[in-house]
C-alpha atoms as a PDB file:
ATOM      1  CA  UNK A   1     -54.707  -4.524 -15.506  1.00  0.00           C
ATOM      2  CA  UNK A   2     -52.131  -2.183 -13.956  1.00  0.00           C
ATOM      3  CA  UNK A   3     -50.339   0.196 -16.009  1.00  0.00           C
ATOM      4  CA  UNK A   4     -47.066  -0.525 -14.143  1.00  0.00           C
ATOM      5  CA  UNK A   5     -47.355  -4.210 -14.990  1.00  0.00           C
ATOM      6  CA  UNK A   6     -46.434  -3.309 -18.613  1.00  0.00           C
ATOM      7  CA  UNK A   7     -43.007  -2.282 -20.043  1.00  0.00           C
ATOM      8  CA  UNK A   8     -40.154  -2.587 -17.658  1.00  0.00           C
ATOM      9  CA  UNK A   9     -41.651  -4.740 -14.893  1.00  0.00           C
ATOM     10  CA  UNK A  10     -42.959  -3.574 -11.629  1.00  0.00           C
ATOM     11  CA  UNK A  11     -40.403  -1.040 -11.085  1.00  0.00           C
ATOM     12  CA  UNK A  12     -41.453   1.081 -14.296  1.00  0.00           C
ATOM     13  CA  UNK A  13     -38.451   3.200 -15.686  1.00  0.00           C
ATOM     14  CA  UNK A  14     -36.657   2.798 -12.669  1.00  0.00           C
ATOM     15  CA  UNK A  15     -35.810  -0.750 -13.073  1.00  0.00           C
ATOM     16  CA  UNK A  16     -33.606   0.336 -15.930  1.00  0.00           C
ATOM     17  CA  UNK A  17     -32.073   3.082 -14.012  1.00  0.00           C
ATOM     18  CA  UNK A  18     -31.031   1.101 -10.914  1.00  0.00           C
ATOM     19  CA  UNK A  19     -29.830  -1.780 -13.180  1.00  0.00           C
ATOM     20  CA  UNK A  20     -27.579   0.511 -15.029  1.00  0.00           C
ATOM     21  CA  UNK A  21     -26.579   2.187 -11.916  1.00  0.00           C
ATOM     22  CA  UNK A  22     -25.521  -1.377 -10.141  1.00  0.00           C
ATOM     23  CA  UNK A  23     -23.800  -2.423 -13.321  1.00  0.00           C
ATOM     24  CA  UNK A  24     -21.891   0.850 -12.911  1.00  0.00           C
ATOM     25  CA  UNK A  25     -21.226   0.265  -9.188  1.00  0.00           C
ATOM     26  CA  UNK A  26     -19.935  -3.261  -9.723  1.00  0.00           C
ATOM     27  CA  UNK A  27     -17.356  -2.053 -12.381  1.00  0.00           C
ATOM     28  CA  UNK A  28     -16.147   0.533 -10.477  1.00  0.00           C
ATOM     29  CA  UNK A  29     -15.886  -1.758  -7.420  1.00  0.00           C
ATOM     30  CA  UNK A  30     -13.973  -4.287  -9.624  1.00  0.00           C
ATOM     31  CA  UNK A  31     -11.625  -1.603 -11.202  1.00  0.00           C
ATOM     32  CA  UNK A  32     -11.009  -0.528  -7.574  1.00  0.00           C
ATOM     33  CA  UNK A  33     -10.598  -3.615  -6.048  1.00  0.00           C
ATOM     34  CA  UNK A  34      -7.893  -4.473  -8.870  1.00  0.00           C
ATOM     35  CA  UNK A  35      -5.944  -1.308  -8.425  1.00  0.00           C
ATOM     36  CA  UNK A  36      -5.393  -2.074  -4.611  1.00  0.00           C
ATOM     37  CA  UNK A  37      -4.366  -5.538  -5.219  1.00  0.00           C
ATOM     38  CA  UNK A  38      -1.817  -4.895  -7.864  1.00  0.00           C
ATOM     39  CA  UNK A  39      -0.569  -1.982  -5.251  1.00  0.00           C
ATOM     40  CA  UNK A  40      -0.457  -4.492  -2.508  1.00  0.00           C
ATOM     41  CA  UNK A  41       1.795  -6.948  -4.710  1.00  0.00           C
ATOM     42  CA  UNK A  42       4.054  -4.207  -5.887  1.00  0.00           C
ATOM     43  CA  UNK A  43       4.657  -3.317  -2.005  1.00  0.00           C
ATOM     44  CA  UNK A  44       5.236  -6.887  -1.309  1.00  0.00           C
ATOM     45  CA  UNK A  45       7.605  -7.291  -4.043  1.00  0.00           C
ATOM     46  CA  UNK A  46       9.324  -4.179  -2.786  1.00  0.00           C
ATOM     47  CA  UNK A  47       9.311  -5.332   0.753  1.00  0.00           C
ATOM     48  CA  UNK A  48      11.121  -8.799  -0.160  1.00  0.00           C
ATOM     49  CA  UNK A  49      13.548  -7.104  -2.218  1.00  0.00           C
ATOM     50  CA  UNK A  50      14.706  -4.858   0.534  1.00  0.00           C
ATOM     51  CA  UNK A  51      14.635  -7.815   3.064  1.00  0.00           C
ATOM     52  CA  UNK A  52      17.041  -9.772   0.786  1.00  0.00           C
ATOM     53  CA  UNK A  53      19.278  -6.822   0.256  1.00  0.00           C
ATOM     54  CA  UNK A  54      19.741  -6.199   4.337  1.00  0.00           C
ATOM     55  CA  UNK A  55      20.363  -9.676   4.787  1.00  0.00           C
ATOM     56  CA  UNK A  56      23.027  -9.446   1.927  1.00  0.00           C
ATOM     57  CA  UNK A  57      25.054  -6.582   3.860  1.00  0.00           C
ATOM     58  CA  UNK A  58      27.548  -7.337   6.433  1.00  0.00           C
ATOM     59  CA  UNK A  59      26.323  -6.906  10.063  1.00  0.00           C
ATOM     60  CA  UNK A  60      28.655  -3.996  10.750  1.00  0.00           C
ATOM     61  CA  UNK A  61      27.311  -1.937   7.876  1.00  0.00           C
ATOM     62  CA  UNK A  62      23.597  -2.699   8.991  1.00  0.00           C
ATOM     63  CA  UNK A  63      24.674  -1.118  12.608  1.00  0.00           C
ATOM     64  CA  UNK A  64      26.105   1.656  11.125  1.00  0.00           C
ATOM     65  CA  UNK A  65      22.925   2.471   9.330  1.00  0.00           C
ATOM     66  CA  UNK A  66      21.106   2.323  12.340  1.00  0.00           C
ATOM     67  CA  UNK A  67      23.379   4.872  13.948  1.00  0.00           C
ATOM     68  CA  UNK A  68      22.763   6.927  11.015  1.00  0.00           C
ATOM     69  CA  UNK A  69      18.994   6.763  11.064  1.00  0.00           C
ATOM     70  CA  UNK A  70      19.001   7.447  14.788  1.00  0.00           C
ATOM     71  CA  UNK A  71      21.402  10.689  14.218  1.00  0.00           C
ATOM     72  CA  UNK A  72      19.086  11.527  11.470  1.00  0.00           C
ATOM     73  CA  UNK A  73      15.854  11.380  13.648  1.00  0.00           C
ATOM     74  CA  UNK A  74      17.625  13.420  16.317  1.00  0.00           C
ATOM     75  CA  UNK A  75      18.021  10.590  18.653  1.00  0.00           C
ATOM     76  CA  UNK A  76      21.530  11.067  19.599  1.00  0.00           C
ATOM     77  CA  UNK A  77      23.756  14.121  19.397  1.00  0.00           C
ATOM     78  CA  UNK A  78      26.784  14.506  16.973  1.00  0.00           C
ATOM     79  CA  UNK A  79      29.318  13.492  19.872  1.00  0.00           C
ATOM     80  CA  UNK A  80      27.363  10.360  20.333  1.00  0.00           C
ATOM     81  CA  UNK A  81      27.140   9.533  16.568  1.00  0.00           C
ATOM     82  CA  UNK A  82      30.867  10.407  16.040  1.00  0.00           C
ATOM     83  CA  UNK A  83      31.694   7.707  19.012  1.00  0.00           C
ATOM     84  CA  UNK A  84      29.448   5.102  17.832  1.00  0.00           C
ATOM     85  CA  UNK A  85      30.723   5.434  14.603  1.00  0.00           C
ATOM     86  CA  UNK A  86      34.179   5.210  15.614  1.00  0.00           C
ATOM     87  CA  UNK A  87      33.335   2.103  17.914  1.00  0.00           C
ATOM     88  CA  UNK A  88      31.630   0.545  14.752  1.00  0.00           C
ATOM     89  CA  UNK A  89      34.738   1.129  12.573  1.00  0.00           C
ATOM     90  CA  UNK A  90      37.312  -0.521  15.086  1.00  0.00           C
END
């Protein structure tokens, strides 16, 4: 009879090592998957709240927000910003 047929099966002591590592990888993977799932759900909730808030604003305020964003990004000059803001407030 072969000595490796006794004890831990045909893998010998390595069967316990690989089994433990596979169990550890399984639980770590499950925790990481849960983390990303919760993170995605939180982001989806924030996105739906911001959409509902933007729909509640009057259209003029949203246009002014866009002009402010463009000015902040440097797409328009101060003079253009002042003129657009004046046009939107009229």
